[in-house]
Amino acid sequence: MDEQGIADDFRRYYAHTLGRDRDNRSAYYAYKALANTLRDRLMERWKRTRQAHDEAGCKRTHYLSLEFLMGRTLSNALLNLGVDSVTESGFSLMGLHLEELASCEPDAGLGNGGLGRLAACFLDSCATLQLPVKGYGLRYEYGMFRQLIE
């Protein structure tokens, strides 16, 4: 979680996973390398949380929604991990700017209206309250559809 560890993982993903070097720099690939670096750290927290829930034997809630308008998550992940300032200072030493990388992130809006915003707010609230809730969505291709649950 320190500046050096994040920088080392970023360089490893940038060079070895994405095949980039200093001669073919791109903000998009730097964003992808940072996203992978943060994903590794988030996965460790997710595993510890799941294990704590298993050990506590607590009940879980599964929230099913047709739409999720989650928005962009890179900056949110940096804040939640508490590494925003160390990442920003480490990246400035490499000549990178977090704002530029964050702008490369696609908006993960899955849906088109209030239901998606409600689902995103509900999941954020549950996470803030540390409730064991997972959100699930249905993928559909051709707009709204008729569905029966039996």
N, C-alpha and C. Protein backbone atom coordinates (compact mmCIF):
# COMPACT_ATOMS: atom_id res chain seq x y z
N MET A 1 0.81 -1.20 0.00
CA MET A 1 0.00 0.00 0.00
C MET A 1 0.85 1.26 0.00
N ASP A 2 2.16 1.10 0.00
CA ASP A 2 3.02 2.28 0.00
C ASP A 2 3.35 2.71 -1.43
N GLU A 3 3.94 3.87 -1.54
CA GLU A 3 4.25 4.46 -2.84
C GLU A 3 5.12 3.53 -3.69
N GLN A 4 6.13 2.94 -3.10
CA GLN A 4 7.04 2.08 -3.84
C GLN A 4 6.35 0.81 -4.34
N GLY A 5 5.52 0.19 -3.49
CA GLY A 5 4.81 -1.02 -3.89
C GLY A 5 3.84 -0.76 -5.03
N ILE A 6 3.13 0.35 -4.95
CA ILE A 6 2.19 0.70 -6.02
C ILE A 6 2.95 0.98 -7.32
N ALA A 7 4.04 1.72 -7.22
CA ALA A 7 4.84 2.04 -8.41
C ALA A 7 5.42 0.77 -9.03
N ASP A 8 5.91 -0.15 -8.20
CA ASP A 8 6.48 -1.40 -8.72
C ASP A 8 5.42 -2.23 -9.44
N ASP A 9 4.25 -2.38 -8.83
CA ASP A 9 3.18 -3.15 -9.47
C ASP A 9 2.70 -2.47 -10.74
N PHE A 10 2.59 -1.15 -10.71
CA PHE A 10 2.18 -0.40 -11.90
C PHE A 10 3.16 -0.66 -13.05
N ARG A 11 4.44 -0.55 -12.78
CA ARG A 11 5.45 -0.77 -13.82
C ARG A 11 5.39 -2.21 -14.35
N ARG A 12 5.18 -3.16 -13.45
CA ARG A 12 5.10 -4.56 -13.87
C ARG A 12 3.92 -4.78 -14.80
N TYR A 13 2.74 -4.28 -14.43
CA TYR A 13 1.57 -4.43 -15.30
C TYR A 13 1.76 -3.69 -16.61
N TYR A 14 2.31 -2.48 -16.53
CA TYR A 14 2.50 -1.66 -17.74
C TYR A 14 3.44 -2.35 -18.72
N ALA A 15 4.55 -2.89 -18.20
CA ALA A 15 5.56 -3.48 -19.08
C ALA A 15 5.24 -4.91 -19.47
N HIS A 16 4.85 -5.74 -18.51
CA HIS A 16 4.74 -7.18 -18.78
C HIS A 16 3.34 -7.63 -19.18
N THR A 17 2.32 -7.09 -18.55
CA THR A 17 0.96 -7.50 -18.92
C THR A 17 0.49 -6.78 -20.18
N LEU A 18 0.77 -5.47 -20.25
CA LEU A 18 0.28 -4.67 -21.38
C LEU A 18 1.32 -4.48 -22.47
N GLY A 19 2.57 -4.88 -22.22
CA GLY A 19 3.61 -4.82 -23.24
C GLY A 19 4.01 -3.41 -23.66
N ARG A 20 3.95 -2.48 -22.74
CA ARG A 20 4.28 -1.08 -23.05
C ARG A 20 5.66 -0.74 -22.49
N ASP A 21 6.26 0.29 -23.05
CA ASP A 21 7.51 0.82 -22.52
C ASP A 21 7.54 2.33 -22.71
N ARG A 22 8.66 2.95 -22.41
CA ARG A 22 8.70 4.41 -22.45
C ARG A 22 8.57 4.97 -23.87
N ASP A 23 8.79 4.12 -24.89
CA ASP A 23 8.71 4.58 -26.27
C ASP A 23 7.28 4.59 -26.81
N ASN A 24 6.37 3.87 -26.17
CA ASN A 24 4.98 3.88 -26.63
C ASN A 24 4.05 4.13 -25.45
N ARG A 25 4.12 5.35 -24.96
CA ARG A 25 3.33 5.75 -23.79
C ARG A 25 1.92 6.13 -24.23
N SER A 26 0.99 5.75 -23.39
CA SER A 26 -0.41 6.06 -23.65
C SER A 26 -1.12 6.16 -22.31
N ALA A 27 -1.93 7.21 -22.15
CA ALA A 27 -2.67 7.38 -20.90
C ALA A 27 -3.62 6.21 -20.68
N TYR A 28 -4.19 5.67 -21.76
CA TYR A 28 -5.13 4.55 -21.63
C TYR A 28 -4.45 3.34 -21.01
N TYR A 29 -3.26 2.98 -21.50
CA TYR A 29 -2.57 1.81 -20.96
C TYR A 29 -2.06 2.07 -19.55
N ALA A 30 -1.70 3.30 -19.26
CA ALA A 30 -1.32 3.63 -17.88
C ALA A 30 -2.54 3.47 -16.97
N TYR A 31 -3.72 3.89 -17.45
CA TYR A 31 -4.95 3.69 -16.68
C TYR A 31 -5.19 2.19 -16.43
N LYS A 32 -5.04 1.36 -17.46
CA LYS A 32 -5.26 -0.08 -17.31
C LYS A 32 -4.27 -0.68 -16.31
N ALA A 33 -3.01 -0.25 -16.35
CA ALA A 33 -2.02 -0.76 -15.42
C ALA A 33 -2.36 -0.35 -13.99
N LEU A 34 -2.80 0.89 -13.79
CA LEU A 34 -3.19 1.35 -12.46
C LEU A 34 -4.43 0.61 -11.98
N ALA A 35 -5.39 0.40 -12.87
CA ALA A 35 -6.61 -0.33 -12.49
C ALA A 35 -6.27 -1.75 -12.03
N ASN A 36 -5.36 -2.42 -12.72
CA ASN A 36 -4.94 -3.76 -12.30
C ASN A 36 -4.21 -3.73 -10.97
N THR A 37 -3.40 -2.71 -10.76
CA THR A 37 -2.68 -2.55 -9.50
C THR A 37 -3.66 -2.39 -8.34
N LEU A 38 -4.68 -1.56 -8.53
CA LEU A 38 -5.68 -1.35 -7.48
C LEU A 38 -6.55 -2.57 -7.30
N ARG A 39 -6.87 -3.25 -8.39
CA ARG A 39 -7.70 -4.46 -8.31
C ARG A 39 -7.06 -5.50 -7.40
N ASP A 40 -5.74 -5.67 -7.51
CA ASP A 40 -5.04 -6.63 -6.66
C ASP A 40 -5.26 -6.30 -5.18
N ARG A 41 -5.17 -5.04 -4.85
CA ARG A 41 -5.32 -4.62 -3.45
C ARG A 41 -6.78 -4.75 -2.99
N LEU A 42 -7.72 -4.44 -3.87
CA LEU A 42 -9.13 -4.60 -3.53
C LEU A 42 -9.50 -6.06 -3.35
N MET A 43 -8.92 -6.94 -4.17
CA MET A 43 -9.24 -8.36 -4.07
C MET A 43 -8.84 -8.93 -2.71
N GLU A 44 -7.71 -8.50 -2.20
CA GLU A 44 -7.29 -8.97 -0.87
C GLU A 44 -8.29 -8.53 0.19
N ARG A 45 -8.78 -7.31 0.10
CA ARG A 45 -9.79 -6.84 1.06
C ARG A 45 -11.10 -7.60 0.89
N TRP A 46 -11.50 -7.85 -0.35
CA TRP A 46 -12.74 -8.60 -0.59
C TRP A 46 -12.63 -10.00 0.02
N LYS A 47 -11.49 -10.65 -0.16
CA LYS A 47 -11.31 -12.00 0.40
C LYS A 47 -11.39 -11.97 1.92
N ARG A 48 -10.73 -11.01 2.54
CA ARG A 48 -10.78 -10.91 4.01
C ARG A 48 -12.20 -10.63 4.49
N THR A 49 -12.94 -9.80 3.78
CA THR A 49 -14.32 -9.50 4.15
C THR A 49 -15.19 -10.75 4.04
N ARG A 50 -15.04 -11.48 2.94
CA ARG A 50 -15.83 -12.70 2.77
C ARG A 50 -15.50 -13.71 3.85
N GLN A 51 -14.23 -13.85 4.18
CA GLN A 51 -13.83 -14.78 5.23
C GLN A 51 -14.40 -14.37 6.59
N ALA A 52 -14.40 -13.07 6.86
CA ALA A 52 -14.97 -12.58 8.13
C ALA A 52 -16.47 -12.86 8.19
N HIS A 53 -17.16 -12.69 7.07
CA HIS A 53 -18.60 -12.99 7.03
C HIS A 53 -18.84 -14.49 7.22
N ASP A 54 -18.00 -15.31 6.60
CA ASP A 54 -18.14 -16.77 6.76
C ASP A 54 -17.92 -17.18 8.21
N GLU A 55 -16.87 -16.62 8.83
CA GLU A 55 -16.57 -16.97 10.21
C GLU A 55 -17.66 -16.50 11.17
N ALA A 56 -18.26 -15.34 10.87
CA ALA A 56 -19.32 -14.81 11.74
C ALA A 56 -20.65 -15.51 11.50
N GLY A 57 -20.76 -16.23 10.39
CA GLY A 57 -22.01 -16.91 10.08
C GLY A 57 -23.17 -15.95 9.82
N CYS A 58 -22.86 -14.76 9.36
CA CYS A 58 -23.91 -13.76 9.18
C CYS A 58 -24.71 -14.03 7.90
N LYS A 59 -25.92 -13.52 7.90
CA LYS A 59 -26.76 -13.62 6.72
C LYS A 59 -26.31 -12.59 5.70
N ARG A 60 -26.58 -12.90 4.44
CA ARG A 60 -26.19 -12.01 3.35
C ARG A 60 -27.42 -11.63 2.54
N THR A 61 -27.32 -10.49 1.91
CA THR A 61 -28.39 -10.04 1.02
C THR A 61 -27.83 -9.96 -0.39
N HIS A 62 -28.63 -10.38 -1.36
CA HIS A 62 -28.26 -10.32 -2.77
C HIS A 62 -29.28 -9.43 -3.46
N TYR A 63 -28.80 -8.31 -4.01
CA TYR A 63 -29.66 -7.31 -4.62
C TYR A 63 -29.63 -7.48 -6.14
N LEU A 64 -30.78 -7.76 -6.72
CA LEU A 64 -30.90 -7.97 -8.15
C LEU A 64 -31.55 -6.75 -8.78
N SER A 65 -30.89 -6.19 -9.78
CA SER A 65 -31.42 -5.02 -10.46
C SER A 65 -31.18 -5.17 -11.96
N LEU A 66 -32.11 -4.64 -12.74
CA LEU A 66 -31.93 -4.65 -14.19
C LEU A 66 -30.86 -3.65 -14.62
N GLU A 67 -30.65 -2.62 -13.83
CA GLU A 67 -29.74 -1.55 -14.23
C GLU A 67 -28.83 -1.17 -13.06
N PHE A 68 -27.62 -0.78 -13.38
CA PHE A 68 -26.69 -0.19 -12.42
C PHE A 68 -26.01 0.98 -13.10
N LEU A 69 -26.10 2.15 -12.54
CA LEU A 69 -25.38 3.32 -13.03
C LEU A 69 -24.30 3.64 -12.02
N MET A 70 -23.24 2.84 -12.03
CA MET A 70 -22.18 2.95 -11.03
C MET A 70 -21.25 4.12 -11.30
N GLY A 71 -21.12 4.50 -12.55
CA GLY A 71 -20.19 5.57 -12.88
C GLY A 71 -18.76 5.06 -12.86
N ARG A 72 -17.84 5.99 -12.83
CA ARG A 72 -16.41 5.65 -12.83
C ARG A 72 -15.96 5.31 -11.42
N THR A 73 -15.02 4.39 -11.30
CA THR A 73 -14.66 3.88 -9.98
C THR A 73 -13.18 4.02 -9.61
N LEU A 74 -12.33 4.46 -10.54
CA LEU A 74 -10.89 4.52 -10.24
C LEU A 74 -10.60 5.45 -9.07
N SER A 75 -11.10 6.66 -9.12
CA SER A 75 -10.85 7.63 -8.04
C SER A 75 -11.45 7.14 -6.73
N ASN A 76 -12.62 6.53 -6.80
CA ASN A 76 -13.27 5.99 -5.62
C ASN A 76 -12.42 4.88 -4.99
N ALA A 77 -11.85 4.02 -5.82
CA ALA A 77 -11.00 2.94 -5.30
C ALA A 77 -9.75 3.50 -4.64
N LEU A 78 -9.15 4.52 -5.24
CA LEU A 78 -7.97 5.15 -4.64
C LEU A 78 -8.30 5.70 -3.24
N LEU A 79 -9.44 6.37 -3.14
CA LEU A 79 -9.85 6.93 -1.84
C LEU A 79 -10.15 5.83 -0.82
N ASN A 80 -10.90 4.81 -1.24
CA ASN A 80 -11.28 3.74 -0.31
C ASN A 80 -10.08 2.94 0.18
N LEU A 81 -9.07 2.80 -0.65
CA LEU A 81 -7.87 2.09 -0.24
C LEU A 81 -6.93 2.99 0.57
N GLY A 82 -7.19 4.28 0.55
CA GLY A 82 -6.35 5.22 1.28
C GLY A 82 -4.99 5.45 0.64
N VAL A 83 -4.93 5.27 -0.67
CA VAL A 83 -3.66 5.42 -1.38
C VAL A 83 -3.69 6.55 -2.41
N ASP A 84 -4.67 7.42 -2.32
CA ASP A 84 -4.78 8.49 -3.32
C ASP A 84 -3.59 9.43 -3.29
N SER A 85 -3.16 9.86 -2.12
CA SER A 85 -2.06 10.83 -2.05
C SER A 85 -0.72 10.18 -2.39
N VAL A 86 -0.47 8.95 -1.91
CA VAL A 86 0.80 8.31 -2.25
C VAL A 86 0.87 7.95 -3.73
N THR A 87 -0.26 7.58 -4.32
CA THR A 87 -0.28 7.27 -5.74
C THR A 87 -0.05 8.53 -6.56
N GLU A 88 -0.71 9.60 -6.17
CA GLU A 88 -0.54 10.85 -6.91
C GLU A 88 0.90 11.34 -6.85
N SER A 89 1.52 11.29 -5.67
CA SER A 89 2.90 11.75 -5.55
C SER A 89 3.85 10.82 -6.31
N GLY A 90 3.62 9.52 -6.24
CA GLY A 90 4.47 8.57 -6.97
C GLY A 90 4.33 8.72 -8.47
N PHE A 91 3.12 8.95 -8.92
CA PHE A 91 2.90 9.10 -10.36
C PHE A 91 3.47 10.42 -10.87
N SER A 92 3.44 11.45 -10.06
CA SER A 92 4.01 12.73 -10.51
C SER A 92 5.51 12.59 -10.72
N LEU A 93 6.16 11.74 -9.92
CA LEU A 93 7.59 11.48 -10.13
C LEU A 93 7.85 10.77 -11.46
N MET A 94 6.85 9.99 -11.93
CA MET A 94 6.97 9.31 -13.22
C MET A 94 6.47 10.17 -14.37
N GLY A 95 6.02 11.39 -14.07
CA GLY A 95 5.51 12.27 -15.11
C GLY A 95 4.08 11.98 -15.53
N LEU A 96 3.32 11.30 -14.66
CA LEU A 96 1.93 10.96 -14.96
C LEU A 96 1.00 11.76 -14.05
N HIS A 97 -0.19 12.03 -14.54
CA HIS A 97 -1.19 12.77 -13.78
C HIS A 97 -2.44 11.91 -13.62
N LEU A 98 -2.88 11.74 -12.37
CA LEU A 98 -4.03 10.87 -12.11
C LEU A 98 -5.29 11.34 -12.82
N GLU A 99 -5.48 12.65 -12.93
CA GLU A 99 -6.68 13.15 -13.61
C GLU A 99 -6.73 12.68 -15.05
N GLU A 100 -5.57 12.67 -15.71
CA GLU A 100 -5.52 12.23 -17.10
C GLU A 100 -5.84 10.74 -17.21
N LEU A 101 -5.31 9.95 -16.26
CA LEU A 101 -5.59 8.51 -16.28
C LEU A 101 -7.05 8.23 -15.98
N ALA A 102 -7.60 8.94 -15.00
CA ALA A 102 -9.00 8.73 -14.62
C ALA A 102 -9.94 9.07 -15.77
N SER A 103 -9.57 10.02 -16.61
CA SER A 103 -10.43 10.38 -17.73
C SER A 103 -10.49 9.29 -18.80
N CYS A 104 -9.56 8.34 -18.76
CA CYS A 104 -9.57 7.22 -19.71
C CYS A 104 -10.56 6.12 -19.31
N GLU A 105 -11.03 6.16 -18.08
CA GLU A 105 -11.93 5.11 -17.61
C GLU A 105 -13.30 5.25 -18.28
N PRO A 106 -13.80 4.16 -18.86
CA PRO A 106 -15.15 4.23 -19.43
C PRO A 106 -16.19 4.30 -18.32
N ASP A 107 -17.28 4.96 -18.60
CA ASP A 107 -18.36 5.04 -17.63
C ASP A 107 -19.10 3.71 -17.63
N ALA A 108 -19.22 3.11 -16.45
CA ALA A 108 -19.82 1.78 -16.34
C ALA A 108 -21.32 1.85 -16.15
N GLY A 109 -21.96 2.82 -16.75
CA GLY A 109 -23.40 2.95 -16.63
C GLY A 109 -24.11 1.86 -17.40
N LEU A 110 -24.80 0.99 -16.68
CA LEU A 110 -25.55 -0.08 -17.32
C LEU A 110 -27.03 0.18 -17.10
N GLY A 111 -27.62 0.88 -18.03
CA GLY A 111 -29.01 1.26 -17.90
C GLY A 111 -29.20 2.69 -18.34
N ASN A 112 -30.40 3.23 -18.07
CA ASN A 112 -30.64 4.57 -18.59
C ASN A 112 -31.50 5.44 -17.68
N GLY A 113 -31.67 5.09 -16.43
CA GLY A 113 -32.57 5.93 -15.67
C GLY A 113 -32.44 5.79 -14.17
N GLY A 114 -33.54 6.13 -13.50
CA GLY A 114 -33.56 6.20 -12.05
C GLY A 114 -33.30 4.88 -11.36
N LEU A 115 -33.71 3.78 -11.96
CA LEU A 115 -33.50 2.48 -11.35
C LEU A 115 -32.00 2.20 -11.18
N GLY A 116 -31.22 2.56 -12.18
CA GLY A 116 -29.78 2.34 -12.11
C GLY A 116 -29.11 3.21 -11.06
N ARG A 117 -29.55 4.45 -10.94
CA ARG A 117 -28.99 5.33 -9.91
C ARG A 117 -29.39 4.84 -8.52
N LEU A 118 -30.63 4.39 -8.37
CA LEU A 118 -31.10 3.85 -7.10
C LEU A 118 -30.26 2.64 -6.69
N ALA A 119 -30.00 1.74 -7.63
CA ALA A 119 -29.21 0.54 -7.33
C ALA A 119 -27.80 0.92 -6.89
N ALA A 120 -27.20 1.87 -7.58
CA ALA A 120 -25.84 2.29 -7.23
C ALA A 120 -25.81 2.94 -5.85
N CYS A 121 -26.77 3.80 -5.55
CA CYS A 121 -26.83 4.45 -4.24
C CYS A 121 -27.08 3.42 -3.14
N PHE A 122 -27.95 2.47 -3.40
CA PHE A 122 -28.24 1.44 -2.41
C PHE A 122 -26.98 0.63 -2.08
N LEU A 123 -26.24 0.22 -3.09
CA LEU A 123 -25.02 -0.55 -2.85
C LEU A 123 -23.97 0.28 -2.14
N ASP A 124 -23.84 1.55 -2.50
CA ASP A 124 -22.89 2.43 -1.79
C ASP A 124 -23.27 2.56 -0.33
N SER A 125 -24.55 2.71 -0.04
CA SER A 125 -25.01 2.83 1.34
C SER A 125 -24.71 1.56 2.13
N CYS A 126 -24.97 0.42 1.51
CA CYS A 126 -24.70 -0.86 2.19
C CYS A 126 -23.21 -1.02 2.47
N ALA A 127 -22.38 -0.62 1.52
CA ALA A 127 -20.93 -0.71 1.73
C ALA A 127 -20.49 0.22 2.86
N THR A 128 -21.05 1.41 2.89
CA THR A 128 -20.70 2.37 3.94
C THR A 128 -21.07 1.83 5.31
N LEU A 129 -22.21 1.15 5.39
CA LEU A 129 -22.68 0.58 6.66
C LEU A 129 -22.05 -0.80 6.93
N GLN A 130 -21.18 -1.25 6.05
CA GLN A 130 -20.50 -2.53 6.16
C GLN A 130 -21.48 -3.70 6.25
N LEU A 131 -22.52 -3.64 5.45
CA LEU A 131 -23.51 -4.71 5.39
C LEU A 131 -23.08 -5.73 4.33
N PRO A 132 -23.32 -7.01 4.56
CA PRO A 132 -22.93 -8.04 3.60
C PRO A 132 -23.94 -8.14 2.45
N VAL A 133 -23.80 -7.24 1.48
CA VAL A 133 -24.72 -7.16 0.35
C VAL A 133 -23.91 -7.24 -0.95
N LYS A 134 -24.40 -8.03 -1.89
CA LYS A 134 -23.82 -8.10 -3.22
C LYS A 134 -24.89 -7.69 -4.22
N GLY A 135 -24.47 -6.96 -5.25
CA GLY A 135 -25.39 -6.55 -6.30
C GLY A 135 -25.21 -7.39 -7.54
N TYR A 136 -26.31 -7.76 -8.15
CA TYR A 136 -26.29 -8.54 -9.37
C TYR A 136 -27.15 -7.85 -10.41
N GLY A 137 -26.74 -7.94 -11.65
CA GLY A 137 -27.52 -7.36 -12.74
C GLY A 137 -27.81 -8.41 -13.79
N LEU A 138 -28.79 -8.12 -14.61
CA LEU A 138 -29.12 -8.98 -15.74
C LEU A 138 -28.62 -8.31 -17.00
N ARG A 139 -27.89 -9.05 -17.80
CA ARG A 139 -27.43 -8.50 -19.07
C ARG A 139 -28.49 -8.73 -20.11
N TYR A 140 -28.84 -7.68 -20.82
CA TYR A 140 -29.80 -7.83 -21.90
C TYR A 140 -29.33 -6.99 -23.07
N GLU A 141 -29.71 -7.43 -24.26
CA GLU A 141 -29.13 -6.86 -25.46
C GLU A 141 -30.05 -5.89 -26.19
N TYR A 142 -31.32 -6.12 -26.24
CA TYR A 142 -32.20 -5.37 -27.12
C TYR A 142 -33.20 -4.52 -26.36
N GLY A 143 -32.76 -3.76 -25.39
CA GLY A 143 -33.66 -2.89 -24.65
C GLY A 143 -34.48 -3.64 -23.62
N MET A 144 -35.62 -3.08 -23.27
CA MET A 144 -36.47 -3.68 -22.25
C MET A 144 -37.07 -4.99 -22.79
N PHE A 145 -37.43 -5.87 -21.91
CA PHE A 145 -37.92 -7.17 -22.30
C PHE A 145 -39.00 -7.62 -21.32
N ARG A 146 -39.71 -8.62 -21.71
CA ARG A 146 -40.73 -9.21 -20.84
C ARG A 146 -40.11 -10.40 -20.13
N GLN A 147 -40.33 -10.47 -18.84
CA GLN A 147 -39.69 -11.54 -18.08
C GLN A 147 -40.66 -12.07 -17.03
N LEU A 148 -40.62 -13.34 -16.79
CA LEU A 148 -41.39 -13.98 -15.75
C LEU A 148 -40.43 -14.67 -14.78
N ILE A 149 -40.68 -14.54 -13.52
CA ILE A 149 -39.92 -15.29 -12.54
C ILE A 149 -40.86 -16.32 -11.96
N GLU A 150 -40.53 -17.59 -12.08
CA GLU A 150 -41.39 -18.66 -11.59
C GLU A 150 -40.81 -19.23 -10.31
